[in-house]
């Protein structure tokens, strides 16, 4: 699974996850800082990447609008703001356990991947 971190997530997360072999990029690294939420999702979708965000407030309605318009995206994963160590753990669980087909066009919480197995 390929993952895209929107700009409200620390770019360090992408560096840590890549060092563990995961395909992850940050908005900070690909020139997407300051873009709208819709532009963030469009970028992620065009790249075939699941979008990870702390901004559920804006991305939940955007996911609904995509659904209503019949537009597709690889998935949106939202998280409450947590410290980097916990974010790495939860995101690693997501990358290890989620199947792309389970996330496609969906909106899920990263915290649902809290468990270890």
C-alpha atoms as a PDB file:
ATOM      1  CA  UNK A   1       0.000   0.000   0.000  1.00  0.00           C
ATOM      2  CA  UNK A   2       1.199   3.502  -0.822  1.00  0.00           C
ATOM      3  CA  UNK A   3       0.538   6.252   1.721  1.00  0.00           C
ATOM      4  CA  UNK A   4       0.366  10.041   1.427  1.00  0.00           C
ATOM      5  CA  UNK A   5       0.649  12.221   4.537  1.00  0.00           C
ATOM      6  CA  UNK A   6      -1.127  15.531   4.267  1.00  0.00           C
ATOM      7  CA  UNK A   7       0.644  18.626   5.512  1.00  0.00           C
ATOM      8  CA  UNK A   8      -0.691  18.538   9.079  1.00  0.00           C
ATOM      9  CA  UNK A   9       1.243  15.339   9.801  1.00  0.00           C
ATOM     10  CA  UNK A  10       4.926  15.572  10.720  1.00  0.00           C
ATOM     11  CA  UNK A  11       7.165  14.894   7.696  1.00  0.00           C
ATOM     12  CA  UNK A  12       9.395  12.899  10.053  1.00  0.00           C
ATOM     13  CA  UNK A  13       6.713  10.192   9.983  1.00  0.00           C
ATOM     14  CA  UNK A  14       7.363   9.617   6.257  1.00  0.00           C
ATOM     15  CA  UNK A  15      11.117   9.381   6.868  1.00  0.00           C
ATOM     16  CA  UNK A  16      10.691   6.864   9.697  1.00  0.00           C
ATOM     17  CA  UNK A  17       8.244   4.697   7.756  1.00  0.00           C
ATOM     18  CA  UNK A  18      10.405   4.714   4.612  1.00  0.00           C
ATOM     19  CA  UNK A  19      13.373   3.596   6.717  1.00  0.00           C
ATOM     20  CA  UNK A  20      11.232   0.562   7.590  1.00  0.00           C
ATOM     21  CA  UNK A  21      10.565  -0.179   3.922  1.00  0.00           C
ATOM     22  CA  UNK A  22       7.129   1.406   3.452  1.00  0.00           C
ATOM     23  CA  UNK A  23       6.125   3.504   0.434  1.00  0.00           C
ATOM     24  CA  UNK A  24       5.214   6.806   2.094  1.00  0.00           C
ATOM     25  CA  UNK A  25       5.514  10.440   1.015  1.00  0.00           C
ATOM     26  CA  UNK A  26       4.639  13.656   2.797  1.00  0.00           C
ATOM     27  CA  UNK A  27       2.960  16.757   1.385  1.00  0.00           C
ATOM     28  CA  UNK A  28       6.048  18.586   2.660  1.00  0.00           C
ATOM     29  CA  UNK A  29       8.262  16.570   0.295  1.00  0.00           C
ATOM     30  CA  UNK A  30       6.215  16.781  -2.893  1.00  0.00           C
ATOM     31  CA  UNK A  31       5.371  20.486  -3.064  1.00  0.00           C
ATOM     32  CA  UNK A  32       1.809  20.190  -1.721  1.00  0.00           C
ATOM     33  CA  UNK A  33       2.105  22.450   1.329  1.00  0.00           C
ATOM     34  CA  UNK A  34      -0.560  25.146   1.372  1.00  0.00           C
ATOM     35  CA  UNK A  35      -2.856  23.331  -1.059  1.00  0.00           C
ATOM     36  CA  UNK A  36      -6.555  22.887  -0.317  1.00  0.00           C
ATOM     37  CA  UNK A  37      -7.916  19.688   1.184  1.00  0.00           C
ATOM     38  CA  UNK A  38      -9.512  18.842  -2.154  1.00  0.00           C
ATOM     39  CA  UNK A  39      -6.160  19.324  -3.904  1.00  0.00           C
ATOM     40  CA  UNK A  40      -4.526  17.070  -1.293  1.00  0.00           C
ATOM     41  CA  UNK A  41      -7.062  14.310  -1.970  1.00  0.00           C
ATOM     42  CA  UNK A  42      -6.816  14.769  -5.739  1.00  0.00           C
ATOM     43  CA  UNK A  43      -3.035  14.432  -5.520  1.00  0.00           C
ATOM     44  CA  UNK A  44      -3.260  11.303  -3.366  1.00  0.00           C
ATOM     45  CA  UNK A  45      -5.836   9.764  -5.715  1.00  0.00           C
ATOM     46  CA  UNK A  46      -3.781  10.570  -8.831  1.00  0.00           C
ATOM     47  CA  UNK A  47      -0.764   8.912  -7.203  1.00  0.00           C
ATOM     48  CA  UNK A  48      -2.757   5.879  -6.024  1.00  0.00           C
ATOM     49  CA  UNK A  49      -2.004   6.690  -2.395  1.00  0.00           C
ATOM     50  CA  UNK A  50      -4.170   6.389   0.699  1.00  0.00           C
ATOM     51  CA  UNK A  51      -4.318   9.793   2.412  1.00  0.00           C
ATOM     52  CA  UNK A  52      -3.516  10.040   6.135  1.00  0.00           C
ATOM     53  CA  UNK A  53      -4.616  13.181   7.979  1.00  0.00           C
ATOM     54  CA  UNK A  54      -5.288  14.703  11.392  1.00  0.00           C
ATOM     55  CA  UNK A  55      -8.008  16.800   9.710  1.00  0.00           C
ATOM     56  CA  UNK A  56     -11.118  14.607   9.967  1.00  0.00           C
ATOM     57  CA  UNK A  57     -13.296  17.700  10.249  1.00  0.00           C
ATOM     58  CA  UNK A  58     -12.615  18.641   6.623  1.00  0.00           C
ATOM     59  CA  UNK A  59     -11.887  15.261   5.049  1.00  0.00           C
ATOM     60  CA  UNK A  60     -15.035  13.448   6.255  1.00  0.00           C
ATOM     61  CA  UNK A  61     -17.335  15.799   4.275  1.00  0.00           C
ATOM     62  CA  UNK A  62     -14.928  15.641   1.334  1.00  0.00           C
ATOM     63  CA  UNK A  63     -15.109  11.824   1.351  1.00  0.00           C
ATOM     64  CA  UNK A  64     -18.903  12.071   1.402  1.00  0.00           C
ATOM     65  CA  UNK A  65     -18.884  14.499  -1.523  1.00  0.00           C
ATOM     66  CA  UNK A  66     -16.585  12.195  -3.526  1.00  0.00           C
ATOM     67  CA  UNK A  67     -18.993   9.325  -2.860  1.00  0.00           C
ATOM     68  CA  UNK A  68     -22.034  11.346  -3.898  1.00  0.00           C
ATOM     69  CA  UNK A  69     -20.280  12.416  -7.112  1.00  0.00           C
ATOM     70  CA  UNK A  70     -19.144   8.881  -7.920  1.00  0.00           C
ATOM     71  CA  UNK A  71     -15.481   9.893  -7.716  1.00  0.00           C
ATOM     72  CA  UNK A  72     -12.937   7.349  -6.530  1.00  0.00           C
ATOM     73  CA  UNK A  73      -9.938   7.583  -4.228  1.00  0.00           C
ATOM     74  CA  UNK A  74      -7.680   4.979  -2.583  1.00  0.00           C
ATOM     75  CA  UNK A  75      -8.987   5.869   0.884  1.00  0.00           C
ATOM     76  CA  UNK A  76      -8.790   8.422   3.647  1.00  0.00           C
ATOM     77  CA  UNK A  77      -7.456   7.522   7.085  1.00  0.00           C
ATOM     78  CA  UNK A  78      -7.998  10.082   9.829  1.00  0.00           C
ATOM     79  CA  UNK A  79      -6.344  10.233  13.212  1.00  0.00           C
ATOM     80  CA  UNK A  80      -6.621  12.240  16.352  1.00  0.00           C
ATOM     81  CA  UNK A  81      -3.440  14.144  17.081  1.00  0.00           C
ATOM     82  CA  UNK A  82      -0.999  11.826  18.843  1.00  0.00           C
ATOM     83  CA  UNK A  83       2.712  11.937  19.583  1.00  0.00           C
ATOM     84  CA  UNK A  84       5.099  10.710  16.890  1.00  0.00           C
ATOM     85  CA  UNK A  85       5.928   7.399  18.574  1.00  0.00           C
ATOM     86  CA  UNK A  86       2.239   6.404  18.751  1.00  0.00           C
ATOM     87  CA  UNK A  87       1.661   7.683  15.225  1.00  0.00           C
ATOM     88  CA  UNK A  88       4.469   5.458  13.925  1.00  0.00           C
ATOM     89  CA  UNK A  89       3.016   2.451  15.762  1.00  0.00           C
ATOM     90  CA  UNK A  90      -0.544   2.994  14.539  1.00  0.00           C
ATOM     91  CA  UNK A  91       0.512   3.736  10.966  1.00  0.00           C
ATOM     92  CA  UNK A  92       2.727   0.660  10.891  1.00  0.00           C
ATOM     93  CA  UNK A  93      -0.250  -1.415  12.056  1.00  0.00           C
ATOM     94  CA  UNK A  94      -2.338   0.123   9.262  1.00  0.00           C
ATOM     95  CA  UNK A  95       0.290  -0.614   6.626  1.00  0.00           C
ATOM     96  CA  UNK A  96       0.745  -4.185   7.843  1.00  0.00           C
ATOM     97  CA  UNK A  97      -2.910  -5.109   8.299  1.00  0.00           C
ATOM     98  CA  UNK A  98      -5.105  -3.062   5.965  1.00  0.00           C
ATOM     99  CA  UNK A  99      -5.806  -4.233   2.446  1.00  0.00           C
ATOM    100  CA  UNK A 100      -6.069  -1.561  -0.254  1.00  0.00           C
ATOM    101  CA  UNK A 101      -9.460  -2.897  -1.327  1.00  0.00           C
ATOM    102  CA  UNK A 102     -10.770  -2.433   2.233  1.00  0.00           C
ATOM    103  CA  UNK A 103      -9.800   1.250   2.233  1.00  0.00           C
ATOM    104  CA  UNK A 104     -10.794   2.156  -1.335  1.00  0.00           C
ATOM    105  CA  UNK A 105     -13.284   5.046  -1.355  1.00  0.00           C
ATOM    106  CA  UNK A 106     -13.566   4.762   2.420  1.00  0.00           C
ATOM    107  CA  UNK A 107     -13.022   6.943   5.460  1.00  0.00           C
ATOM    108  CA  UNK A 108     -11.581   5.120   8.479  1.00  0.00           C
ATOM    109  CA  UNK A 109      -9.942   5.982  11.781  1.00  0.00           C
ATOM    110  CA  UNK A 110      -6.275   5.159  12.309  1.00  0.00           C
ATOM    111  CA  UNK A 111      -7.101   4.357  15.932  1.00  0.00           C
ATOM    112  CA  UNK A 112      -9.052   1.317  14.722  1.00  0.00           C
ATOM    113  CA  UNK A 113      -5.587  -0.198  14.067  1.00  0.00           C
ATOM    114  CA  UNK A 114      -4.545   0.176  17.694  1.00  0.00           C
ATOM    115  CA  UNK A 115      -4.443  -3.565  18.446  1.00  0.00           C
ATOM    116  CA  UNK A 116      -1.392  -5.691  17.737  1.00  0.00           C
ATOM    117  CA  UNK A 117      -2.925  -8.370  15.571  1.00  0.00           C
END
